[in-house]
Amino acid sequence: MHIWKTLDQQVVLDRTPFVRVTQETIEVAPGRVIDDFYQVHLMEFAVVVPVLEDGSIIVTRQYHHGPGKVCISFPGGHIDQDEAPDAAVLRELKEEAGLDASELIPLGKFVDNGNQRCATGHYFLARGCKPVSLPEPGGFEEIELLCWDAQRIDKALSEGEIAVIHHAALWALARPYLG
């Protein structure tokens, strides 16, 4: 298979660190060139499935502007500049749920979109979670914490309550670890 080659690139929108859009000239195969191929670069993020010491799982219920509705998700957020993904997800776990974990299992690093790139997500499972503080979500977040079992989360996914692909993918990655 031919690996696409970037022949030229220009920035058409730069609102770093939140979004950067480039227009590229791409050679997709010898002699075949696309002159206006766009890539979107969003901030990297980390998300986590938190499992409490008793085996129950914390989910969040909150509004997400992408799907435009209140839905079920898991703690997570953007990775700050010079912050490691594992440190970011532990920070988000504490901020959004007031939890710390005794074990953090990396489940993978994935790009959102196969061609336009978008964001890179870092996915984790946290075991042995226990409360260490009150949640302090930042910004405009209103978060309701719910304590569910795996079957209830499966049902939420099948009924469309999990409306953001990052959270659906995270659940699919974590589910084999949960029996």
C-alpha atoms as a PDB file:
ATOM      1  CA  MET A   1       0.000   0.000   0.000  1.00  0.00           C
ATOM      2  CA  HIS A   2       1.150   3.507  -0.785  1.00  0.00           C
ATOM      3  CA  ILE A   3       1.678   5.776   2.212  1.00  0.00           C
ATOM      4  CA  TRP A   4       0.228   9.214   1.500  1.00  0.00           C
ATOM      5  CA  LYS A   5       2.848  11.935   1.250  1.00  0.00           C
ATOM      6  CA  THR A   6       2.303  15.566   2.227  1.00  0.00           C
ATOM      7  CA  LEU A   7       3.750  17.738  -0.536  1.00  0.00           C
ATOM      8  CA  ASP A   8       2.653  21.096   0.856  1.00  0.00           C
ATOM      9  CA  GLN A   9       0.804  22.365   3.910  1.00  0.00           C
ATOM     10  CA  GLN A  10      -0.608  25.719   4.924  1.00  0.00           C
ATOM     11  CA  VAL A  11      -2.457  26.727   8.070  1.00  0.00           C
ATOM     12  CA  VAL A  12      -5.936  28.085   7.302  1.00  0.00           C
ATOM     13  CA  LEU A  13      -7.137  28.479  10.908  1.00  0.00           C
ATOM     14  CA  ASP A  14      -5.046  28.616  14.061  1.00  0.00           C
ATOM     15  CA  ARG A  15      -6.696  28.906  17.455  1.00  0.00           C
ATOM     16  CA  THR A  16      -4.033  26.904  19.267  1.00  0.00           C
ATOM     17  CA  PRO A  17      -4.276  25.055  21.595  1.00  0.00           C
ATOM     18  CA  PHE A  18      -7.961  24.368  20.868  1.00  0.00           C
ATOM     19  CA  VAL A  19      -8.078  23.962  17.085  1.00  0.00           C
ATOM     20  CA  ARG A  20      -5.762  24.231  14.104  1.00  0.00           C
ATOM     21  CA  VAL A  21      -6.846  23.482  10.524  1.00  0.00           C
ATOM     22  CA  THR A  22      -4.386  22.876   7.691  1.00  0.00           C
ATOM     23  CA  GLN A  23      -4.904  22.564   3.963  1.00  0.00           C
ATOM     24  CA  GLU A  24      -2.535  20.067   2.427  1.00  0.00           C
ATOM     25  CA  THR A  25      -1.458  18.919  -0.983  1.00  0.00           C
ATOM     26  CA  ILE A  26      -1.271  15.131  -0.718  1.00  0.00           C
ATOM     27  CA  GLU A  27       0.170  12.525  -3.051  1.00  0.00           C
ATOM     28  CA  VAL A  28      -2.121   9.541  -2.472  1.00  0.00           C
ATOM     29  CA  ALA A  29      -0.375   7.345  -5.047  1.00  0.00           C
ATOM     30  CA  PRO A  30       2.349   7.948  -7.615  1.00  0.00           C
ATOM     31  CA  GLY A  31       0.993  10.603  -9.987  1.00  0.00           C
ATOM     32  CA  ARG A  32      -2.271  11.076  -8.041  1.00  0.00           C
ATOM     33  CA  VAL A  33      -2.447  14.315  -6.047  1.00  0.00           C
ATOM     34  CA  ILE A  34      -5.191  15.939  -3.960  1.00  0.00           C
ATOM     35  CA  ASP A  35      -4.690  19.727  -3.791  1.00  0.00           C
ATOM     36  CA  ASP A  36      -7.151  20.580  -1.024  1.00  0.00           C
ATOM     37  CA  PHE A  37      -7.031  17.942   1.686  1.00  0.00           C
ATOM     38  CA  TYR A  38      -7.881  19.326   5.118  1.00  0.00           C
ATOM     39  CA  GLN A  39      -6.683  18.161   8.527  1.00  0.00           C
ATOM     40  CA  VAL A  40      -8.133  19.267  11.838  1.00  0.00           C
ATOM     41  CA  HIS A  41      -5.921  19.255  14.915  1.00  0.00           C
ATOM     42  CA  LEU A  42      -7.771  19.352  18.237  1.00  0.00           C
ATOM     43  CA  MET A  43      -6.355  19.065  21.755  1.00  0.00           C
ATOM     44  CA  GLU A  44      -5.440  15.573  22.935  1.00  0.00           C
ATOM     45  CA  PHE A  45      -7.694  14.164  25.631  1.00  0.00           C
ATOM     46  CA  ALA A  46      -7.819  11.350  28.185  1.00  0.00           C
ATOM     47  CA  VAL A  47     -10.865   9.445  29.469  1.00  0.00           C
ATOM     48  CA  VAL A  48     -11.275   6.792  32.128  1.00  0.00           C
ATOM     49  CA  VAL A  49     -13.717   4.140  33.333  1.00  0.00           C
ATOM     50  CA  PRO A  50     -13.507   4.375  37.156  1.00  0.00           C
ATOM     51  CA  VAL A  51     -14.229   1.147  39.036  1.00  0.00           C
ATOM     52  CA  LEU A  52     -14.813   1.509  42.757  1.00  0.00           C
ATOM     53  CA  GLU A  53     -13.371  -0.896  45.301  1.00  0.00           C
ATOM     54  CA  ASP A  54     -16.751  -2.710  45.469  1.00  0.00           C
ATOM     55  CA  GLY A  55     -16.781  -3.247  41.673  1.00  0.00           C
ATOM     56  CA  SER A  56     -19.383  -0.619  40.829  1.00  0.00           C
ATOM     57  CA  ILE A  57     -18.581   1.916  38.122  1.00  0.00           C
ATOM     58  CA  ILE A  58     -18.907   5.688  38.198  1.00  0.00           C
ATOM     59  CA  VAL A  59     -20.459   7.313  35.146  1.00  0.00           C
ATOM     60  CA  THR A  60     -21.256  10.958  34.607  1.00  0.00           C
ATOM     61  CA  ARG A  61     -24.481  12.451  33.348  1.00  0.00           C
ATOM     62  CA  GLN A  62     -23.933  15.831  31.753  1.00  0.00           C
ATOM     63  CA  TYR A  63     -24.658  18.025  28.771  1.00  0.00           C
ATOM     64  CA  HIS A  64     -22.335  17.604  25.774  1.00  0.00           C
ATOM     65  CA  HIS A  65     -22.590  20.315  23.132  1.00  0.00           C
ATOM     66  CA  GLY A  66     -21.434  18.044  20.254  1.00  0.00           C
ATOM     67  CA  PRO A  67     -24.573  15.868  20.304  1.00  0.00           C
ATOM     68  CA  GLY A  68     -26.526  18.761  21.861  1.00  0.00           C
ATOM     69  CA  LYS A  69     -27.995  16.760  24.716  1.00  0.00           C
ATOM     70  CA  VAL A  70     -27.517  15.421  28.215  1.00  0.00           C
ATOM     71  CA  CYS A  71     -25.877  12.016  27.999  1.00  0.00           C
ATOM     72  CA  ILE A  72     -23.895   9.416  29.895  1.00  0.00           C
ATOM     73  CA  SER A  73     -20.105   9.596  29.770  1.00  0.00           C
ATOM     74  CA  PHE A  74     -17.012   8.927  31.826  1.00  0.00           C
ATOM     75  CA  PRO A  75     -14.595  11.325  33.547  1.00  0.00           C
ATOM     76  CA  GLY A  76     -12.071  12.866  31.203  1.00  0.00           C
ATOM     77  CA  GLY A  77     -10.865  15.981  29.479  1.00  0.00           C
ATOM     78  CA  HIS A  78      -8.097  17.752  27.642  1.00  0.00           C
ATOM     79  CA  ILE A  79      -4.464  17.042  28.323  1.00  0.00           C
ATOM     80  CA  ASP A  80      -2.633  20.204  29.334  1.00  0.00           C
ATOM     81  CA  GLN A  81       0.588  21.212  27.591  1.00  0.00           C
ATOM     82  CA  ASP A  82       3.537  19.160  28.898  1.00  0.00           C
ATOM     83  CA  GLU A  83       1.175  16.881  30.878  1.00  0.00           C
ATOM     84  CA  ALA A  84       1.418  13.102  30.526  1.00  0.00           C
ATOM     85  CA  PRO A  85      -1.843  11.330  29.563  1.00  0.00           C
ATOM     86  CA  ASP A  86      -1.881   9.220  32.752  1.00  0.00           C
ATOM     87  CA  ALA A  87      -1.387  12.315  34.910  1.00  0.00           C
ATOM     88  CA  ALA A  88      -4.137  14.115  32.990  1.00  0.00           C
ATOM     89  CA  VAL A  89      -6.651  11.323  33.442  1.00  0.00           C
ATOM     90  CA  LEU A  90      -5.919  11.066  37.179  1.00  0.00           C
ATOM     91  CA  ARG A  91      -6.353  14.859  37.454  1.00  0.00           C
ATOM     92  CA  GLU A  92      -9.679  14.661  35.584  1.00  0.00           C
ATOM     93  CA  LEU A  93     -10.810  11.724  37.737  1.00  0.00           C
ATOM     94  CA  LYS A  94     -10.226  13.784  40.871  1.00  0.00           C
ATOM     95  CA  GLU A  95     -11.690  17.017  39.449  1.00  0.00           C
ATOM     96  CA  GLU A  96     -14.848  15.484  37.992  1.00  0.00           C
ATOM     97  CA  ALA A  97     -15.526  12.637  40.434  1.00  0.00           C
ATOM     98  CA  GLY A  98     -13.396  13.311  43.528  1.00  0.00           C
ATOM     99  CA  LEU A  99     -11.721   9.910  43.075  1.00  0.00           C
ATOM    100  CA  ASP A 100      -8.236   8.459  43.134  1.00  0.00           C
ATOM    101  CA  ALA A 101      -7.297   5.030  41.783  1.00  0.00           C
ATOM    102  CA  SER A 102      -5.005   2.315  43.103  1.00  0.00           C
ATOM    103  CA  GLU A 103      -4.453   0.917  39.582  1.00  0.00           C
ATOM    104  CA  LEU A 104      -4.506   2.654  36.207  1.00  0.00           C
ATOM    105  CA  ILE A 105      -4.602   0.445  33.102  1.00  0.00           C
ATOM    106  CA  PRO A 106      -3.851   2.067  29.727  1.00  0.00           C
ATOM    107  CA  LEU A 107      -6.270   0.798  27.067  1.00  0.00           C
ATOM    108  CA  GLY A 108      -4.741   2.543  24.064  1.00  0.00           C
ATOM    109  CA  LYS A 109      -4.155   5.732  22.148  1.00  0.00           C
ATOM    110  CA  PHE A 110      -6.347   6.400  19.105  1.00  0.00           C
ATOM    111  CA  VAL A 111      -7.010   9.105  16.512  1.00  0.00           C
ATOM    112  CA  ASP A 112     -10.665  10.160  16.060  1.00  0.00           C
ATOM    113  CA  ASN A 113     -10.828  10.361  12.305  1.00  0.00           C
ATOM    114  CA  GLY A 114      -8.947   8.115   9.902  1.00  0.00           C
ATOM    115  CA  ASN A 115      -8.208  10.884   7.401  1.00  0.00           C
ATOM    116  CA  GLN A 116      -8.876  14.306   8.907  1.00  0.00           C
ATOM    117  CA  ARG A 117      -7.210  13.322  12.190  1.00  0.00           C
ATOM    118  CA  CYS A 118      -9.101  15.564  14.653  1.00  0.00           C
ATOM    119  CA  ALA A 119      -8.122  14.605  18.217  1.00  0.00           C
ATOM    120  CA  THR A 120      -5.974  11.903  19.740  1.00  0.00           C
ATOM    121  CA  GLY A 121      -7.546  10.169  22.706  1.00  0.00           C
ATOM    122  CA  HIS A 122      -5.862   8.247  25.496  1.00  0.00           C
ATOM    123  CA  TYR A 123      -8.131   5.626  27.060  1.00  0.00           C
ATOM    124  CA  PHE A 124      -7.829   4.163  30.581  1.00  0.00           C
ATOM    125  CA  LEU A 125      -9.458   1.851  33.097  1.00  0.00           C
ATOM    126  CA  ALA A 126      -9.003   2.793  36.761  1.00  0.00           C
ATOM    127  CA  ARG A 127      -9.452   0.125  39.422  1.00  0.00           C
ATOM    128  CA  GLY A 128      -9.670   0.453  43.174  1.00  0.00           C
ATOM    129  CA  CYS A 129     -11.131   3.947  43.000  1.00  0.00           C
ATOM    130  CA  LYS A 130     -12.067   5.619  46.236  1.00  0.00           C
ATOM    131  CA  PRO A 131     -13.268   9.099  47.187  1.00  0.00           C
ATOM    132  CA  VAL A 132     -10.500  11.503  48.194  1.00  0.00           C
ATOM    133  CA  SER A 133     -12.213  14.888  47.794  1.00  0.00           C
ATOM    134  CA  LEU A 134     -15.360  16.579  46.644  1.00  0.00           C
ATOM    135  CA  PRO A 135     -15.643  16.849  42.853  1.00  0.00           C
ATOM    136  CA  GLU A 136     -14.619  20.256  41.481  1.00  0.00           C
ATOM    137  CA  PRO A 137     -15.492  20.302  37.775  1.00  0.00           C
ATOM    138  CA  GLY A 138     -14.158  23.405  36.114  1.00  0.00           C
ATOM    139  CA  GLY A 139     -15.606  25.907  33.730  1.00  0.00           C
ATOM    140  CA  PHE A 140     -19.249  25.516  32.877  1.00  0.00           C
ATOM    141  CA  GLU A 141     -19.542  21.801  33.620  1.00  0.00           C
ATOM    142  CA  GLU A 142     -22.546  20.519  35.527  1.00  0.00           C
ATOM    143  CA  ILE A 143     -21.912  16.861  36.331  1.00  0.00           C
ATOM    144  CA  GLU A 144     -24.140  14.314  38.015  1.00  0.00           C
ATOM    145  CA  LEU A 145     -22.236  11.253  39.260  1.00  0.00           C
ATOM    146  CA  LEU A 146     -24.009   7.905  39.038  1.00  0.00           C
ATOM    147  CA  CYS A 147     -22.918   4.534  40.400  1.00  0.00           C
ATOM    148  CA  TRP A 148     -23.838   1.777  37.930  1.00  0.00           C
ATOM    149  CA  ASP A 149     -22.979  -1.824  37.156  1.00  0.00           C
ATOM    150  CA  ALA A 150     -21.641  -2.987  33.784  1.00  0.00           C
ATOM    151  CA  GLN A 151     -25.049  -4.218  32.596  1.00  0.00           C
ATOM    152  CA  ARG A 152     -26.633  -0.801  33.178  1.00  0.00           C
ATOM    153  CA  ILE A 153     -23.838   0.827  31.136  1.00  0.00           C
ATOM    154  CA  ASP A 154     -24.343  -1.770  28.370  1.00  0.00           C
ATOM    155  CA  LYS A 155     -28.027  -0.793  28.319  1.00  0.00           C
ATOM    156  CA  ALA A 156     -27.179   2.925  28.201  1.00  0.00           C
ATOM    157  CA  LEU A 157     -24.943   2.292  25.201  1.00  0.00           C
ATOM    158  CA  SER A 158     -27.572   0.249  23.353  1.00  0.00           C
ATOM    159  CA  GLU A 159     -30.259   2.872  24.028  1.00  0.00           C
ATOM    160  CA  GLY A 160     -28.175   5.793  22.767  1.00  0.00           C
ATOM    161  CA  GLU A 161     -27.597   7.380  26.178  1.00  0.00           C
ATOM    162  CA  ILE A 162     -23.847   7.331  25.459  1.00  0.00           C
ATOM    163  CA  ALA A 163     -23.824   9.751  22.520  1.00  0.00           C
ATOM    164  CA  VAL A 164     -20.125  10.655  22.233  1.00  0.00           C
ATOM    165  CA  ILE A 165     -17.943   8.154  20.364  1.00  0.00           C
ATOM    166  CA  HIS A 166     -14.986   8.603  22.738  1.00  0.00           C
ATOM    167  CA  HIS A 167     -17.072   7.293  25.606  1.00  0.00           C
ATOM    168  CA  ALA A 168     -18.624   4.464  23.588  1.00  0.00           C
ATOM    169  CA  ALA A 169     -15.146   3.428  22.419  1.00  0.00           C
ATOM    170  CA  LEU A 170     -13.792   3.654  25.953  1.00  0.00           C
ATOM    171  CA  TRP A 171     -16.560   1.375  27.203  1.00  0.00           C
ATOM    172  CA  ALA A 172     -15.852  -1.138  24.409  1.00  0.00           C
ATOM    173  CA  LEU A 173     -12.152  -1.143  25.354  1.00  0.00           C
ATOM    174  CA  ALA A 174     -12.775  -1.481  29.106  1.00  0.00           C
ATOM    175  CA  ARG A 175     -15.650  -3.972  28.992  1.00  0.00           C
ATOM    176  CA  PRO A 176     -13.512  -7.150  28.535  1.00  0.00           C
ATOM    177  CA  TYR A 177     -11.711  -6.321  31.798  1.00  0.00           C
ATOM    178  CA  LEU A 178     -14.995  -6.186  33.701  1.00  0.00           C
ATOM    179  CA  GLY A 179     -16.488  -9.630  33.087  1.00  0.00           C
END
